C-alpha atoms as a PDB file:
ATOM      1  CA  MET A   1      -6.932   5.268   6.168  1.00  0.00           C
ATOM      2  CA  PRO A   2      -9.919   3.871   4.246  1.00  0.00           C
ATOM      3  CA  VAL A   3      -8.511   5.224   0.970  1.00  0.00           C
ATOM      4  CA  VAL A   4      -5.094   3.722   1.723  1.00  0.00           C
ATOM      5  CA  LEU A   5      -6.631   0.341   2.535  1.00  0.00           C
ATOM      6  CA  TRP A   6      -8.822   0.391  -0.573  1.00  0.00           C
ATOM      7  CA  SER A   7      -6.001   1.361  -2.935  1.00  0.00           C
ATOM      8  CA  GLY A   8      -3.745  -1.258  -1.332  1.00  0.00           C
ATOM      9  CA  TYR A   9      -6.428  -3.883  -1.849  1.00  0.00           C
ATOM     10  CA  LEU A  10      -6.846  -2.951  -5.518  1.00  0.00           C
ATOM     11  CA  HIS A  11      -3.091  -2.945  -6.069  1.00  0.00           C
ATOM     12  CA  TRP A  12      -2.772  -6.326  -4.355  1.00  0.00           C
ATOM     13  CA  LYS A  13      -5.508  -7.801  -6.553  1.00  0.00           C
ATOM     14  CA  HIS A  14      -4.099  -6.296  -9.766  1.00  0.00           C
ATOM     15  CA  ARG A  15      -0.308  -6.533  -9.376  1.00  0.00           C
ATOM     16  CA  PHE A  16       0.000  -9.585  -7.135  1.00  0.00           C
ATOM     17  CA  ARG A  17      -3.136 -11.383  -8.361  1.00  0.00           C
ATOM     18  CA  GLY A  18      -4.464 -11.652  -4.822  1.00  0.00           C
ATOM     19  CA  GLY A  19      -1.644 -13.912  -3.664  1.00  0.00           C
ATOM     20  CA  PHE A  20      -2.021 -14.547   0.042  1.00  0.00           C
ATOM     21  CA  THR A  21       1.299 -14.738   1.865  1.00  0.00           C
ATOM     22  CA  ARG A  22       2.401 -13.945   5.383  1.00  0.00           C
ATOM     23  CA  LEU A  23       3.688 -10.577   4.166  1.00  0.00           C
ATOM     24  CA  PHE A  24       0.265  -9.561   2.866  1.00  0.00           C
ATOM     25  CA  LEU A  25      -1.457 -10.905   5.974  1.00  0.00           C
ATOM     26  CA  THR A  26       0.838  -8.786   8.155  1.00  0.00           C
ATOM     27  CA  LYS A  27       0.163  -5.667   6.060  1.00  0.00           C
ATOM     28  CA  ILE A  28      -3.597  -6.274   6.236  1.00  0.00           C
ATOM     29  CA  VAL A  29      -3.521  -6.759  10.009  1.00  0.00           C
ATOM     30  CA  CYS A  30      -1.406  -3.621  10.501  1.00  0.00           C
ATOM     31  CA  GLY A  31      -3.779  -1.604   8.306  1.00  0.00           C
ATOM     32  CA  ALA A  32      -6.832  -2.914  10.135  1.00  0.00           C
ATOM     33  CA  CYS A  33      -5.287  -2.082  13.515  1.00  0.00           C
ATOM     34  CA  LEU A  34      -4.540   1.454  12.349  1.00  0.00           C
ATOM     35  CA  GLN A  35      -8.087   1.761  11.029  1.00  0.00           C
ATOM     36  CA  VAL A  36      -9.435   0.943  14.493  1.00  0.00           C
ATOM     37  CA  GLN A  37      -6.904   2.771  16.660  1.00  0.00           C
ATOM     38  CA  ALA A  38      -6.847   6.109  14.829  1.00  0.00           C
ATOM     39  CA  PRO A  39     -10.525   6.944  15.490  1.00  0.00           C
ATOM     40  CA  VAL A  40     -10.179   5.780  19.099  1.00  0.00           C
ATOM     41  CA  CYS A  41      -7.286   8.183  19.726  1.00  0.00           C
ATOM     42  CA  THR A  42      -9.014  10.973  17.810  1.00  0.00           C
ATOM     43  CA  ILE A  43     -12.268  10.636  19.736  1.00  0.00           C
ATOM     44  CA  TRP A  44     -10.331  10.368  22.990  1.00  0.00           C
ATOM     45  CA  PHE A  45      -8.548  13.643  22.147  1.00  0.00           C
ATOM     46  CA  LEU A  46     -11.768  15.387  21.061  1.00  0.00           C
ATOM     47  CA  MET A  47     -13.433  14.419  24.335  1.00  0.00           C
ATOM     48  CA  ASP A  48     -10.464  15.710  26.365  1.00  0.00           C
ATOM     49  CA  PRO A  49      -8.179  18.118  24.438  1.00  0.00           C
ATOM     50  CA  ASP A  50      -5.981  18.616  27.515  1.00  0.00           C
ATOM     51  CA  ILE A  51      -4.913  14.974  27.247  1.00  0.00           C
ATOM     52  CA  ALA A  52      -2.019  16.108  25.046  1.00  0.00           C
ATOM     53  CA  LEU A  53      -0.532  18.066  27.957  1.00  0.00           C
ATOM     54  CA  ARG A  54      -0.415  15.114  30.367  1.00  0.00           C
ATOM     55  CA  PRO A  55      -1.210  11.968  28.421  1.00  0.00           C
ATOM     56  CA  PRO A  56      -2.074   8.854  30.423  1.00  0.00           C
ATOM     57  CA  PRO A  57      -0.059   5.709  29.677  1.00  0.00           C
ATOM     58  CA  GLY A  58      -2.907   4.132  27.683  1.00  0.00           C
ATOM     59  CA  TYR A  59      -3.055   7.106  25.326  1.00  0.00           C
ATOM     60  CA  VAL A  60       0.698   7.014  24.764  1.00  0.00           C
ATOM     61  CA  VAL A  61       0.676   3.255  24.197  1.00  0.00           C
ATOM     62  CA  CYS A  62      -2.148   3.604  21.666  1.00  0.00           C
ATOM     63  CA  HIS A  63      -0.084   6.122  19.695  1.00  0.00           C
ATOM     64  CA  LEU A  64       3.080   4.023  19.926  1.00  0.00           C
ATOM     65  CA  VAL A  65       1.249   0.941  18.675  1.00  0.00           C
ATOM     66  CA  MET A  66      -0.143   2.987  15.779  1.00  0.00           C
ATOM     67  CA  LEU A  67       3.390   4.176  15.015  1.00  0.00           C
ATOM     68  CA  GLY A  68       4.628   0.593  15.033  1.00  0.00           C
ATOM     69  CA  ASP A  69       1.762  -0.591  12.832  1.00  0.00           C
ATOM     70  CA  GLY A  70       2.432   2.145  10.298  1.00  0.00           C
ATOM     71  CA  ALA A  71       6.178   1.479  10.341  1.00  0.00           C
ATOM     72  CA  VAL A  72       5.754  -2.253   9.776  1.00  0.00           C
ATOM     73  CA  ALA A  73       3.184  -1.771   7.010  1.00  0.00           C
ATOM     74  CA  GLY A  74       5.370   0.860   5.339  1.00  0.00           C
ATOM     75  CA  PHE A  75       8.487  -1.277   5.589  1.00  0.00           C
ATOM     76  CA  LEU A  76       6.717  -4.261   4.070  1.00  0.00           C
ATOM     77  CA  GLY A  77       5.267  -2.054   1.349  1.00  0.00           C
ATOM     78  CA  GLY A  78       8.752  -0.831   0.551  1.00  0.00           C
ATOM     79  CA  ARG A  79       9.940  -4.408   0.273  1.00  0.00           C
ATOM     80  CA  LEU A  80       7.165  -5.107  -2.199  1.00  0.00           C
ATOM     81  CA  VAL A  81       7.880  -2.048  -4.312  1.00  0.00           C
ATOM     82  CA  PHE A  82      11.671  -2.243  -4.283  1.00  0.00           C
ATOM     83  CA  SER A  83      12.144  -6.019  -4.172  1.00  0.00           C
ATOM     84  CA  ARG A  84      13.401  -6.369  -7.734  1.00  0.00           C
ATOM     85  CA  HIS A  85      17.072  -5.888  -8.449  1.00  0.00           C
ATOM     86  CA  ARG A  86      17.695  -3.184 -10.994  1.00  0.00           C
ATOM     87  CA  ASP A  87      20.424  -3.750 -13.571  1.00  0.00           C
END
């Protein structure tokens, strides 16, 4: 995740000249949430490997929120990359 965030930051600065819109804010927030949640879930799993067999609701919610964050960030990234009409 740190490499993804860093390369996204560099691309944002270079290609979009650091323009700050709601789209970029949403991508940054989603990336930051993933950056925090992924280690939490990983450490939780490393402390209790059997959690995968019968996951508590909090563990499942953490993974679902990460899935949503990644989906939103990816969707918005796709809009940025493929936003131009090709003739």
